[in-house]
Amino acid sequence: MGSFLKRYENEPASLADAALIRLAEINDSPLLLTTDSDFQIYRRHGRQMIPLVQP
């Protein structure tokens, strides 16, 4: 978790954001439903975009 917070220290990352990113990393085909635009910036495994559904 420490490396996640360091990587996104200029973004308002929260513990909940970190938990969702971790869940996206351990799931082979994640799909995240969110209204949080920060997830367009966050990456799983450091480089892969997280598939999003945003209303």
N, C-alpha and C. Protein backbone atom coordinates (compact mmCIF):
# COMPACT_ATOMS: atom_id res chain seq x y z
N MET A 1 0.82 -1.19 0.00
CA MET A 1 0.00 0.00 0.00
C MET A 1 0.86 1.25 0.00
N GLY A 2 2.01 1.18 0.66
CA GLY A 2 2.90 2.34 0.71
C GLY A 2 3.37 2.76 -0.67
N SER A 3 3.69 1.78 -1.53
CA SER A 3 4.15 2.13 -2.87
C SER A 3 3.02 2.75 -3.69
N PHE A 4 1.78 2.30 -3.47
CA PHE A 4 0.64 2.89 -4.16
C PHE A 4 0.50 4.36 -3.78
N LEU A 5 0.56 4.64 -2.50
CA LEU A 5 0.40 6.02 -2.05
C LEU A 5 1.55 6.89 -2.53
N LYS A 6 2.76 6.34 -2.60
CA LYS A 6 3.89 7.11 -3.14
C LYS A 6 3.71 7.39 -4.62
N ARG A 7 3.26 6.39 -5.36
CA ARG A 7 3.09 6.53 -6.81
C ARG A 7 2.08 7.62 -7.15
N TYR A 8 1.05 7.74 -6.33
CA TYR A 8 -0.02 8.70 -6.60
C TYR A 8 -0.05 9.80 -5.54
N GLU A 9 1.11 10.23 -5.06
CA GLU A 9 1.14 11.22 -4.00
C GLU A 9 0.59 12.58 -4.43
N ASN A 10 0.55 12.86 -5.73
CA ASN A 10 -0.01 14.13 -6.21
C ASN A 10 -1.50 14.05 -6.48
N GLU A 11 -2.07 12.86 -6.33
CA GLU A 11 -3.51 12.65 -6.52
C GLU A 11 -4.15 12.38 -5.16
N PRO A 12 -5.43 12.68 -5.01
CA PRO A 12 -6.09 12.45 -3.73
C PRO A 12 -6.49 10.99 -3.52
N ALA A 13 -5.51 10.09 -3.48
CA ALA A 13 -5.78 8.66 -3.32
C ALA A 13 -6.20 8.36 -1.89
N SER A 14 -7.18 7.50 -1.76
CA SER A 14 -7.65 7.11 -0.43
C SER A 14 -7.42 5.62 -0.23
N LEU A 15 -7.66 5.16 0.97
CA LEU A 15 -7.55 3.75 1.28
C LEU A 15 -8.56 2.96 0.45
N ALA A 16 -9.75 3.50 0.26
CA ALA A 16 -10.77 2.83 -0.55
C ALA A 16 -10.31 2.70 -2.00
N ASP A 17 -9.67 3.75 -2.55
CA ASP A 17 -9.12 3.68 -3.91
C ASP A 17 -8.08 2.58 -4.01
N ALA A 18 -7.20 2.52 -3.04
CA ALA A 18 -6.14 1.50 -3.04
C ALA A 18 -6.74 0.10 -2.97
N ALA A 19 -7.79 -0.07 -2.18
CA ALA A 19 -8.43 -1.38 -2.07
C ALA A 19 -9.07 -1.80 -3.40
N LEU A 20 -9.73 -0.87 -4.08
CA LEU A 20 -10.34 -1.19 -5.37
C LEU A 20 -9.28 -1.52 -6.43
N ILE A 21 -8.18 -0.80 -6.41
CA ILE A 21 -7.10 -1.09 -7.35
C ILE A 21 -6.52 -2.46 -7.08
N ARG A 22 -6.34 -2.80 -5.81
CA ARG A 22 -5.82 -4.13 -5.46
C ARG A 22 -6.78 -5.23 -5.91
N LEU A 23 -8.08 -5.02 -5.72
CA LEU A 23 -9.06 -5.99 -6.19
C LEU A 23 -9.00 -6.14 -7.71
N ALA A 24 -8.77 -5.04 -8.42
CA ALA A 24 -8.64 -5.10 -9.88
C ALA A 24 -7.38 -5.87 -10.28
N GLU A 25 -6.36 -5.83 -9.43
CA GLU A 25 -5.12 -6.56 -9.74
C GLU A 25 -5.28 -8.07 -9.53
N ILE A 26 -6.07 -8.48 -8.55
CA ILE A 26 -6.18 -9.91 -8.28
C ILE A 26 -7.29 -10.58 -9.08
N ASN A 27 -8.11 -9.79 -9.76
CA ASN A 27 -9.17 -10.32 -10.61
C ASN A 27 -8.66 -10.33 -12.06
N ASP A 28 -8.84 -11.45 -12.76
CA ASP A 28 -8.33 -11.56 -14.13
C ASP A 28 -9.02 -10.63 -15.11
N SER A 29 -10.31 -10.40 -14.94
CA SER A 29 -11.04 -9.53 -15.87
C SER A 29 -11.93 -8.57 -15.09
N PRO A 30 -11.32 -7.57 -14.46
CA PRO A 30 -12.10 -6.65 -13.64
C PRO A 30 -12.89 -5.65 -14.49
N LEU A 31 -13.95 -5.16 -13.92
CA LEU A 31 -14.72 -4.07 -14.51
C LEU A 31 -15.22 -3.23 -13.34
N LEU A 32 -14.79 -2.01 -13.26
CA LEU A 32 -15.09 -1.15 -12.12
C LEU A 32 -16.14 -0.12 -12.51
N LEU A 33 -17.21 -0.07 -11.76
CA LEU A 33 -18.27 0.92 -11.93
C LEU A 33 -18.01 2.02 -10.92
N THR A 34 -17.76 3.24 -11.41
CA THR A 34 -17.41 4.34 -10.52
C THR A 34 -17.79 5.69 -11.12
N THR A 35 -17.97 6.65 -10.25
CA THR A 35 -18.14 8.04 -10.69
C THR A 35 -16.88 8.85 -10.39
N ASP A 36 -15.88 8.19 -9.82
CA ASP A 36 -14.62 8.83 -9.43
C ASP A 36 -13.69 8.94 -10.64
N SER A 37 -13.44 10.15 -11.11
CA SER A 37 -12.61 10.34 -12.30
C SER A 37 -11.14 10.00 -12.07
N ASP A 38 -10.71 9.87 -10.82
CA ASP A 38 -9.32 9.50 -10.54
C ASP A 38 -8.97 8.13 -11.10
N PHE A 39 -9.96 7.27 -11.28
CA PHE A 39 -9.68 5.93 -11.78
C PHE A 39 -9.27 5.92 -13.25
N GLN A 40 -9.40 7.04 -13.93
CA GLN A 40 -8.84 7.16 -15.28
C GLN A 40 -7.33 7.31 -15.22
N ILE A 41 -6.81 7.70 -14.07
CA ILE A 41 -5.37 7.90 -13.87
C ILE A 41 -4.72 6.66 -13.27
N TYR A 42 -5.41 6.02 -12.33
CA TYR A 42 -4.84 4.87 -11.63
C TYR A 42 -4.61 3.70 -12.59
N ARG A 43 -3.60 2.90 -12.30
CA ARG A 43 -3.25 1.74 -13.10
C ARG A 43 -3.11 0.52 -12.21
N ARG A 44 -3.47 -0.63 -12.75
CA ARG A 44 -3.24 -1.88 -12.02
C ARG A 44 -1.94 -2.48 -12.52
N HIS A 45 -1.24 -3.16 -11.66
CA HIS A 45 0.08 -3.72 -11.96
C HIS A 45 1.03 -2.64 -12.48
N GLY A 46 0.79 -1.39 -12.10
CA GLY A 46 1.68 -0.30 -12.46
C GLY A 46 1.50 0.29 -13.84
N ARG A 47 0.93 -0.48 -14.80
CA ARG A 47 0.85 0.00 -16.18
C ARG A 47 -0.49 -0.19 -16.87
N GLN A 48 -1.28 -1.13 -16.42
CA GLN A 48 -2.51 -1.49 -17.13
C GLN A 48 -3.68 -0.63 -16.67
N MET A 49 -4.40 -0.09 -17.64
CA MET A 49 -5.60 0.67 -17.30
C MET A 49 -6.62 -0.27 -16.67
N ILE A 50 -7.40 0.25 -15.76
CA ILE A 50 -8.47 -0.51 -15.14
C ILE A 50 -9.73 -0.31 -15.99
N PRO A 51 -10.33 -1.38 -16.48
CA PRO A 51 -11.56 -1.23 -17.26
C PRO A 51 -12.65 -0.58 -16.42
N LEU A 52 -13.21 0.50 -16.93
CA LEU A 52 -14.17 1.31 -16.17
C LEU A 52 -15.51 1.42 -16.88
N VAL A 53 -16.55 1.55 -16.09
CA VAL A 53 -17.86 1.98 -16.54
C VAL A 53 -18.16 3.23 -15.74
N GLN A 54 -18.28 4.35 -16.44
CA GLN A 54 -18.55 5.62 -15.75
C GLN A 54 -19.79 6.26 -16.36
N PRO A 55 -20.76 6.54 -15.50
CA PRO A 55 -22.00 7.18 -16.02
C PRO A 55 -21.75 8.61 -16.47
